[in-house]
């Protein structure tokens, strides 16, 4: 597979997402890291965005609530290159009606090789990395229409 390099600018576009019983954890984390977050563009789904905007007094690009399509909106922005970092405090032990959307969001973040943090510890490591403050060359596979992610070309079926 071929790769191309896409620069992540020093000012990252960070999506902040949290399941309902993880919202307080994300708010506490964001409040603690407010100084660093002020240097980046922030996006969030539904209620999380409203809570973060009020708590941090920072501009947040707010999308739909996760179950109403917000997870898919973030995934689309990742695929379009508009969001290049995902911090998603998710709850793997609680069933969610939009679980397929959550899995799709995590999958698309992995496919496009963006930094992902799914809990406070990984978010702490990610946000405190010196790479968050500088341009970084992200390696991304070159996907061609004739190549499929399942590894089977259309003419092989």
N, C-alpha and C. Protein backbone atom coordinates (compact mmCIF):
# COMPACT_ATOMS: atom_id res chain seq x y z
N UNK A 1 0.85 -1.18 0.00
CA UNK A 1 0.00 0.00 0.00
C UNK A 1 0.89 1.24 0.00
N UNK A 2 0.47 2.22 -0.76
CA UNK A 2 1.19 3.49 -0.79
C UNK A 2 0.68 4.40 0.32
N UNK A 3 1.55 5.31 0.73
CA UNK A 3 1.19 6.29 1.75
C UNK A 3 1.49 7.69 1.24
N UNK A 4 0.77 8.64 1.79
CA UNK A 4 1.07 10.04 1.55
C UNK A 4 1.19 10.70 2.92
N UNK A 5 1.85 11.82 2.96
CA UNK A 5 1.97 12.55 4.22
C UNK A 5 1.07 13.77 4.18
N UNK A 6 0.31 13.94 5.23
CA UNK A 6 -0.58 15.08 5.37
C UNK A 6 -0.16 15.81 6.64
N UNK A 7 0.18 17.08 6.54
CA UNK A 7 0.64 17.78 7.75
C UNK A 7 -0.51 18.08 8.71
N UNK A 8 -0.27 17.78 9.97
CA UNK A 8 -1.14 18.26 11.05
C UNK A 8 -0.50 19.55 11.52
N UNK A 9 -1.18 20.64 11.33
CA UNK A 9 -0.63 21.94 11.70
C UNK A 9 -0.49 22.04 13.22
N UNK A 10 0.26 23.01 13.68
CA UNK A 10 0.46 23.20 15.12
C UNK A 10 -0.87 23.48 15.82
N UNK A 11 -1.77 24.15 15.13
CA UNK A 11 -3.11 24.41 15.67
C UNK A 11 -4.01 23.28 15.20
N UNK A 12 -4.25 22.31 16.07
CA UNK A 12 -5.02 21.12 15.72
C UNK A 12 -6.52 21.42 15.74
N UNK A 13 -7.27 20.56 15.06
CA UNK A 13 -8.73 20.58 15.06
C UNK A 13 -9.16 19.35 15.85
N UNK A 14 -9.58 19.58 17.10
CA UNK A 14 -9.82 18.51 18.06
C UNK A 14 -11.31 18.31 18.29
N UNK A 15 -11.76 17.06 18.13
CA UNK A 15 -13.14 16.70 18.47
C UNK A 15 -13.17 16.17 19.90
N UNK A 16 -14.08 16.70 20.69
CA UNK A 16 -14.26 16.27 22.08
C UNK A 16 -15.65 15.65 22.20
N UNK A 17 -15.68 14.37 22.56
CA UNK A 17 -16.93 13.61 22.61
C UNK A 17 -16.95 12.84 23.93
N UNK A 18 -18.14 12.69 24.52
CA UNK A 18 -18.26 11.90 25.75
C UNK A 18 -19.64 11.29 25.85
N UNK A 19 -19.68 10.03 26.26
CA UNK A 19 -20.96 9.42 26.59
C UNK A 19 -21.51 10.07 27.85
N UNK A 20 -22.81 9.93 28.07
CA UNK A 20 -23.48 10.63 29.17
C UNK A 20 -22.78 10.48 30.52
N UNK A 21 -22.45 9.25 30.91
CA UNK A 21 -21.84 9.09 32.23
C UNK A 21 -20.33 9.34 32.24
N UNK A 22 -19.80 9.86 31.12
CA UNK A 22 -18.39 10.26 31.05
C UNK A 22 -18.24 11.77 30.82
N UNK A 23 -19.37 12.48 30.72
CA UNK A 23 -19.32 13.92 30.45
C UNK A 23 -18.60 14.68 31.57
N UNK A 24 -18.87 14.34 32.82
CA UNK A 24 -18.20 15.03 33.93
C UNK A 24 -16.70 14.79 33.89
N UNK A 25 -16.29 13.57 33.52
CA UNK A 25 -14.86 13.28 33.40
C UNK A 25 -14.22 14.14 32.30
N UNK A 26 -14.91 14.25 31.16
CA UNK A 26 -14.37 15.06 30.07
C UNK A 26 -14.33 16.54 30.46
N UNK A 27 -15.38 17.01 31.15
CA UNK A 27 -15.39 18.41 31.59
C UNK A 27 -14.22 18.69 32.54
N UNK A 28 -13.99 17.79 33.48
CA UNK A 28 -12.88 17.97 34.43
C UNK A 28 -11.54 17.96 33.68
N UNK A 29 -11.39 17.04 32.73
CA UNK A 29 -10.16 16.97 31.95
C UNK A 29 -9.96 18.25 31.13
N UNK A 30 -11.02 18.70 30.47
CA UNK A 30 -10.93 19.90 29.63
C UNK A 30 -10.64 21.14 30.47
N UNK A 31 -11.25 21.22 31.63
CA UNK A 31 -10.99 22.36 32.51
C UNK A 31 -9.52 22.37 32.93
N UNK A 32 -8.99 21.21 33.29
CA UNK A 32 -7.59 21.09 33.69
C UNK A 32 -6.65 21.48 32.54
N UNK A 33 -7.05 21.16 31.30
CA UNK A 33 -6.21 21.40 30.12
C UNK A 33 -6.66 22.61 29.32
N UNK A 34 -7.44 23.49 29.92
CA UNK A 34 -7.99 24.64 29.22
C UNK A 34 -6.91 25.48 28.54
N UNK A 35 -5.81 25.71 29.23
CA UNK A 35 -4.74 26.53 28.67
C UNK A 35 -4.21 25.97 27.36
N UNK A 36 -4.05 24.68 27.29
CA UNK A 36 -3.58 24.04 26.06
C UNK A 36 -4.67 24.06 25.00
N UNK A 37 -5.90 23.78 25.40
CA UNK A 37 -7.01 23.73 24.44
C UNK A 37 -7.27 25.08 23.77
N UNK A 38 -6.92 26.18 24.44
CA UNK A 38 -7.15 27.50 23.83
C UNK A 38 -6.36 27.69 22.54
N UNK A 39 -5.32 26.88 22.33
CA UNK A 39 -4.47 27.01 21.14
C UNK A 39 -4.96 26.18 19.96
N UNK A 40 -6.12 25.54 20.11
CA UNK A 40 -6.62 24.63 19.08
C UNK A 40 -8.08 24.96 18.74
N UNK A 41 -8.54 24.46 17.59
CA UNK A 41 -9.95 24.57 17.21
C UNK A 41 -10.68 23.38 17.84
N UNK A 42 -11.80 23.64 18.50
CA UNK A 42 -12.52 22.59 19.21
C UNK A 42 -13.88 22.33 18.58
N UNK A 43 -14.23 21.05 18.52
CA UNK A 43 -15.51 20.58 18.00
C UNK A 43 -16.09 19.63 19.05
N UNK A 44 -17.41 19.54 19.11
CA UNK A 44 -18.03 18.60 20.04
C UNK A 44 -19.44 18.26 19.57
N UNK A 45 -19.91 17.14 20.05
CA UNK A 45 -21.28 16.74 19.77
C UNK A 45 -22.22 17.35 20.81
N UNK A 46 -23.44 17.64 20.36
CA UNK A 46 -24.58 18.04 21.16
C UNK A 46 -24.36 18.64 22.53
N UNK A 47 -24.86 17.96 23.52
CA UNK A 47 -24.81 18.44 24.90
C UNK A 47 -23.39 18.64 25.37
N UNK A 48 -22.49 17.77 24.96
CA UNK A 48 -21.09 17.89 25.37
C UNK A 48 -20.54 19.25 24.95
N UNK A 49 -20.84 19.67 23.74
CA UNK A 49 -20.37 20.97 23.25
C UNK A 49 -20.91 22.13 24.05
N UNK A 50 -22.19 22.07 24.39
CA UNK A 50 -22.80 23.13 25.19
C UNK A 50 -22.16 23.20 26.57
N UNK A 51 -21.97 22.04 27.19
CA UNK A 51 -21.35 22.00 28.53
C UNK A 51 -19.90 22.51 28.48
N UNK A 52 -19.15 22.08 27.47
CA UNK A 52 -17.76 22.52 27.36
C UNK A 52 -17.66 24.02 27.11
N UNK A 53 -18.51 24.54 26.25
CA UNK A 53 -18.48 25.97 25.94
C UNK A 53 -18.76 26.79 27.20
N UNK A 54 -19.74 26.34 27.97
CA UNK A 54 -20.09 27.05 29.21
C UNK A 54 -18.98 26.91 30.26
N UNK A 55 -18.43 25.72 30.40
CA UNK A 55 -17.41 25.46 31.41
C UNK A 55 -16.08 26.14 31.09
N UNK A 56 -15.69 26.11 29.82
CA UNK A 56 -14.38 26.62 29.43
C UNK A 56 -14.39 28.07 28.96
N UNK A 57 -15.57 28.56 28.62
CA UNK A 57 -15.70 29.90 28.04
C UNK A 57 -14.80 30.02 26.80
N UNK A 58 -14.86 28.99 25.96
CA UNK A 58 -14.12 28.93 24.71
C UNK A 58 -15.09 28.63 23.57
N UNK A 59 -14.78 29.08 22.37
CA UNK A 59 -15.67 28.74 21.25
C UNK A 59 -15.55 27.26 20.90
N UNK A 60 -16.69 26.63 20.73
CA UNK A 60 -16.76 25.22 20.36
C UNK A 60 -17.67 25.11 19.13
N UNK A 61 -17.23 24.45 18.10
CA UNK A 61 -18.11 24.17 16.97
C UNK A 61 -18.97 22.98 17.39
N UNK A 62 -20.26 23.24 17.57
CA UNK A 62 -21.17 22.21 18.08
C UNK A 62 -21.90 21.53 16.92
N UNK A 63 -21.93 20.20 16.98
CA UNK A 63 -22.61 19.39 15.99
C UNK A 63 -23.83 18.75 16.65
N UNK A 64 -24.49 17.85 15.95
CA UNK A 64 -25.65 17.17 16.51
C UNK A 64 -25.24 16.30 17.70
N UNK A 65 -26.21 15.92 18.50
CA UNK A 65 -26.00 14.95 19.55
C UNK A 65 -25.54 13.64 18.90
N UNK A 66 -24.71 12.88 19.61
CA UNK A 66 -24.20 11.62 19.06
C UNK A 66 -25.28 10.71 18.49
N UNK A 67 -26.32 10.38 19.27
CA UNK A 67 -27.36 9.48 18.76
C UNK A 67 -28.16 10.08 17.59
N UNK A 68 -28.11 11.39 17.42
CA UNK A 68 -28.85 12.03 16.34
C UNK A 68 -28.00 12.30 15.11
N UNK A 69 -26.80 11.75 15.09
CA UNK A 69 -25.94 11.89 13.92
C UNK A 69 -24.63 12.61 14.16
N UNK A 70 -24.41 13.10 15.39
CA UNK A 70 -23.18 13.85 15.68
C UNK A 70 -21.92 13.02 15.52
N UNK A 71 -21.97 11.74 15.91
CA UNK A 71 -20.80 10.87 15.73
C UNK A 71 -20.48 10.74 14.25
N UNK A 72 -21.51 10.61 13.43
CA UNK A 72 -21.30 10.49 11.99
C UNK A 72 -20.80 11.80 11.40
N UNK A 73 -21.28 12.94 11.92
CA UNK A 73 -20.79 14.23 11.45
C UNK A 73 -19.29 14.37 11.73
N UNK A 74 -18.87 13.97 12.92
CA UNK A 74 -17.44 14.04 13.26
C UNK A 74 -16.65 13.10 12.35
N UNK A 75 -17.16 11.89 12.12
CA UNK A 75 -16.50 10.95 11.22
C UNK A 75 -16.34 11.53 9.83
N UNK A 76 -17.37 12.20 9.34
CA UNK A 76 -17.30 12.82 8.01
C UNK A 76 -16.24 13.92 7.98
N UNK A 77 -16.15 14.69 9.06
CA UNK A 77 -15.15 15.76 9.12
C UNK A 77 -13.73 15.18 9.22
N UNK A 78 -13.59 14.03 9.85
CA UNK A 78 -12.28 13.36 9.89
C UNK A 78 -11.91 12.92 8.47
N UNK A 79 -12.85 12.28 7.77
CA UNK A 79 -12.58 11.80 6.42
C UNK A 79 -12.28 12.96 5.47
N UNK A 80 -12.90 14.12 5.71
CA UNK A 80 -12.68 15.30 4.87
C UNK A 80 -11.42 16.07 5.26
N UNK A 81 -10.76 15.65 6.34
CA UNK A 81 -9.54 16.32 6.78
C UNK A 81 -9.78 17.56 7.63
N UNK A 82 -11.02 17.77 8.08
CA UNK A 82 -11.35 18.96 8.87
C UNK A 82 -11.07 18.76 10.36
N UNK A 83 -11.15 17.54 10.85
CA UNK A 83 -10.83 17.21 12.24
C UNK A 83 -9.64 16.26 12.19
N UNK A 84 -8.61 16.55 13.01
CA UNK A 84 -7.42 15.72 12.97
C UNK A 84 -6.96 15.20 14.32
N UNK A 85 -7.87 15.20 15.29
CA UNK A 85 -7.58 14.64 16.61
C UNK A 85 -8.91 14.32 17.27
N UNK A 86 -9.03 13.16 17.89
CA UNK A 86 -10.28 12.74 18.53
C UNK A 86 -10.03 12.38 19.98
N UNK A 87 -10.74 13.06 20.87
CA UNK A 87 -10.74 12.70 22.28
C UNK A 87 -12.17 12.29 22.61
N UNK A 88 -12.36 11.01 22.85
CA UNK A 88 -13.69 10.44 23.00
C UNK A 88 -13.73 9.63 24.29
N UNK A 89 -14.28 10.23 25.34
CA UNK A 89 -14.44 9.52 26.60
C UNK A 89 -15.69 8.65 26.47
N UNK A 90 -15.49 7.40 26.07
CA UNK A 90 -16.63 6.51 25.86
C UNK A 90 -16.72 5.49 26.97
N UNK A 91 -17.89 4.96 27.12
CA UNK A 91 -18.14 3.98 28.17
C UNK A 91 -18.34 2.61 27.53
N UNK A 92 -17.33 1.75 27.57
CA UNK A 92 -17.45 0.45 26.93
C UNK A 92 -18.34 -0.54 27.68
N UNK A 93 -18.74 -0.21 28.90
CA UNK A 93 -19.54 -1.14 29.71
C UNK A 93 -21.03 -0.84 29.68
N UNK A 94 -21.41 0.25 29.09
CA UNK A 94 -22.81 0.67 29.03
C UNK A 94 -23.33 0.49 27.61
N UNK A 95 -24.49 -0.18 27.45
CA UNK A 95 -25.04 -0.31 26.09
C UNK A 95 -25.55 1.04 25.58
N UNK A 96 -25.34 1.30 24.29
CA UNK A 96 -25.78 2.54 23.68
C UNK A 96 -26.55 2.22 22.41
N UNK A 97 -27.70 2.87 22.22
CA UNK A 97 -28.48 2.59 21.01
C UNK A 97 -27.74 2.97 19.73
N UNK A 98 -26.79 3.89 19.83
CA UNK A 98 -26.04 4.31 18.64
C UNK A 98 -24.65 3.68 18.61
N UNK A 99 -24.51 2.49 19.21
CA UNK A 99 -23.22 1.81 19.27
C UNK A 99 -22.58 1.61 17.89
N UNK A 100 -23.35 1.29 16.84
CA UNK A 100 -22.72 1.19 15.52
C UNK A 100 -22.08 2.51 15.07
N UNK A 101 -22.68 3.64 15.44
CA UNK A 101 -22.10 4.94 15.08
C UNK A 101 -20.79 5.17 15.83
N UNK A 102 -20.76 4.76 17.09
CA UNK A 102 -19.54 4.90 17.89
C UNK A 102 -18.41 4.08 17.28
N UNK A 103 -18.71 2.83 16.96
CA UNK A 103 -17.70 1.96 16.35
C UNK A 103 -17.24 2.53 15.01
N UNK A 104 -18.17 3.07 14.23
CA UNK A 104 -17.81 3.66 12.93
C UNK A 104 -16.91 4.87 13.12
N UNK A 105 -17.19 5.69 14.14
CA UNK A 105 -16.35 6.86 14.40
C UNK A 105 -14.94 6.44 14.78
N UNK A 106 -14.81 5.48 15.68
CA UNK A 106 -13.48 5.02 16.07
C UNK A 106 -12.76 4.37 14.89
N UNK A 107 -13.51 3.66 14.06
CA UNK A 107 -12.91 3.04 12.88
C UNK A 107 -12.40 4.09 11.90
N UNK A 108 -13.18 5.11 11.62
CA UNK A 108 -12.77 6.12 10.63
C UNK A 108 -11.56 6.91 11.14
N UNK A 109 -11.51 7.15 12.46
CA UNK A 109 -10.34 7.82 13.03
C UNK A 109 -9.09 6.96 12.85
N UNK A 110 -9.25 5.66 12.99
CA UNK A 110 -8.13 4.73 12.79
C UNK A 110 -7.73 4.67 11.32
N UNK A 111 -8.71 4.59 10.42
CA UNK A 111 -8.44 4.53 8.98
C UNK A 111 -7.63 5.74 8.52
N UNK A 112 -7.99 6.94 9.03
CA UNK A 112 -7.31 8.16 8.61
C UNK A 112 -6.13 8.52 9.49
N UNK A 113 -5.76 7.61 10.39
CA UNK A 113 -4.52 7.73 11.17
C UNK A 113 -4.43 9.05 11.94
N UNK A 114 -5.50 9.38 12.66
CA UNK A 114 -5.44 10.57 13.51
C UNK A 114 -5.24 10.13 14.96
N UNK A 115 -4.68 10.98 15.79
CA UNK A 115 -4.52 10.64 17.21
C UNK A 115 -5.89 10.46 17.86
N UNK A 116 -6.00 9.41 18.68
CA UNK A 116 -7.26 9.07 19.35
C UNK A 116 -6.96 8.82 20.83
N UNK A 117 -7.77 9.42 21.69
CA UNK A 117 -7.71 9.13 23.13
C UNK A 117 -9.11 8.74 23.56
N UNK A 118 -9.23 7.63 24.28
CA UNK A 118 -10.55 7.16 24.69
C UNK A 118 -10.76 7.15 26.19
N UNK A 119 -9.79 7.66 26.93
CA UNK A 119 -9.94 7.78 28.38
C UNK A 119 -9.01 8.89 28.87
N UNK A 120 -9.12 9.21 30.14
CA UNK A 120 -8.36 10.35 30.67
C UNK A 120 -6.85 10.16 30.56
N UNK A 121 -6.39 8.96 30.83
CA UNK A 121 -4.94 8.73 30.78
C UNK A 121 -4.41 8.93 29.37
N UNK A 122 -5.07 8.32 28.39
CA UNK A 122 -4.58 8.50 27.02
C UNK A 122 -4.74 9.95 26.57
N UNK A 123 -5.80 10.63 27.03
CA UNK A 123 -5.98 12.05 26.69
C UNK A 123 -4.88 12.90 27.32
N UNK A 124 -4.48 12.57 28.56
CA UNK A 124 -3.38 13.30 29.20
C UNK A 124 -2.08 13.12 28.43
N UNK A 125 -1.78 11.89 28.02
CA UNK A 125 -0.56 11.64 27.26
C UNK A 125 -0.61 12.37 25.92
N UNK A 126 -1.76 12.33 25.26
CA UNK A 126 -1.90 12.96 23.94
C UNK A 126 -1.74 14.47 24.03
N UNK A 127 -2.48 15.11 24.93
CA UNK A 127 -2.48 16.58 25.00
C UNK A 127 -1.14 17.12 25.49
N UNK A 128 -0.41 16.34 26.26
CA UNK A 128 0.86 16.82 26.80
C UNK A 128 2.05 16.50 25.89
N UNK A 129 1.80 15.80 24.79
CA UNK A 129 2.88 15.47 23.86
C UNK A 129 3.40 16.75 23.21
N UNK A 130 4.70 16.89 23.07
CA UNK A 130 5.26 18.05 22.35
C UNK A 130 4.74 18.14 20.91
N UNK A 131 4.34 17.02 20.35
CA UNK A 131 3.83 17.01 18.97
C UNK A 131 2.51 17.76 18.83
N UNK A 132 1.80 17.96 19.94
CA UNK A 132 0.54 18.72 19.89
C UNK A 132 0.78 20.18 19.60
N UNK A 133 1.99 20.66 19.82
CA UNK A 133 2.29 22.08 19.66
C UNK A 133 3.04 22.40 18.37
N UNK A 134 3.26 21.39 17.53
CA UNK A 134 4.03 21.63 16.32
C UNK A 134 3.40 20.91 15.13
N UNK A 135 3.87 21.23 13.94
CA UNK A 135 3.41 20.55 12.74
C UNK A 135 3.95 19.12 12.76
N UNK A 136 3.11 18.19 12.35
CA UNK A 136 3.47 16.77 12.34
C UNK A 136 3.05 16.18 11.00
N UNK A 137 3.90 15.38 10.39
CA UNK A 137 3.59 14.74 9.12
C UNK A 137 2.89 13.40 9.38
N UNK A 138 1.60 13.39 9.16
CA UNK A 138 0.78 12.19 9.39
C UNK A 138 0.80 11.33 8.13
N UNK A 139 1.12 10.07 8.28
CA UNK A 139 1.12 9.14 7.14
C UNK A 139 -0.28 8.54 6.99
N UNK A 140 -0.81 8.67 5.77
CA UNK A 140 -2.15 8.18 5.49
C UNK A 140 -2.09 7.31 4.24
N UNK A 141 -2.74 6.14 4.28
CA UNK A 141 -2.77 5.31 3.07
C UNK A 141 -3.43 6.05 1.92
N UNK A 142 -2.95 5.80 0.73
CA UNK A 142 -3.57 6.35 -0.48
C UNK A 142 -4.64 5.35 -0.90
N UNK A 143 -5.89 5.75 -0.75
CA UNK A 143 -7.00 4.88 -1.12
C UNK A 143 -7.44 5.24 -2.53
N UNK A 144 -7.48 4.24 -3.39
CA UNK A 144 -7.91 4.44 -4.78
C UNK A 144 -9.28 3.80 -4.94
N UNK A 145 -10.09 4.32 -5.88
CA UNK A 145 -11.42 3.73 -6.10
C UNK A 145 -11.37 2.23 -6.38
N UNK A 146 -10.29 1.77 -7.04
CA UNK A 146 -10.22 0.35 -7.37
C UNK A 146 -9.78 -0.51 -6.18
N UNK A 147 -9.32 0.13 -5.10
CA UNK A 147 -8.92 -0.60 -3.89
C UNK A 147 -10.05 -0.54 -2.88
N UNK A 148 -10.28 -1.64 -2.24
CA UNK A 148 -11.34 -1.68 -1.25
C UNK A 148 -10.72 -1.93 0.11
N UNK A 149 -11.35 -1.41 1.13
CA UNK A 149 -10.80 -1.57 2.48
C UNK A 149 -10.88 -3.01 2.95
N UNK A 150 -11.76 -3.83 2.35
CA UNK A 150 -11.83 -5.23 2.74
C UNK A 150 -10.77 -6.07 2.03
N UNK A 151 -9.97 -5.41 1.16
CA UNK A 151 -8.87 -6.10 0.50
C UNK A 151 -9.24 -6.82 -0.78
N UNK A 152 -10.51 -6.76 -1.17
CA UNK A 152 -10.96 -7.45 -2.37
C UNK A 152 -11.33 -6.42 -3.42
N UNK A 153 -10.63 -6.44 -4.54
CA UNK A 153 -10.95 -5.51 -5.62
C UNK A 153 -12.27 -5.92 -6.25
N UNK A 154 -13.06 -4.95 -6.75
CA UNK A 154 -14.36 -5.26 -7.32
C UNK A 154 -14.32 -6.31 -8.42
N UNK A 155 -13.24 -6.36 -9.22
CA UNK A 155 -13.17 -7.34 -10.31
C UNK A 155 -12.81 -8.74 -9.82
N UNK A 156 -12.53 -8.91 -8.53
CA UNK A 156 -12.20 -10.22 -7.98
C UNK A 156 -13.41 -10.91 -7.38
N UNK A 157 -14.55 -10.24 -7.37
CA UNK A 157 -15.74 -10.82 -6.74
C UNK A 157 -16.50 -11.68 -7.71
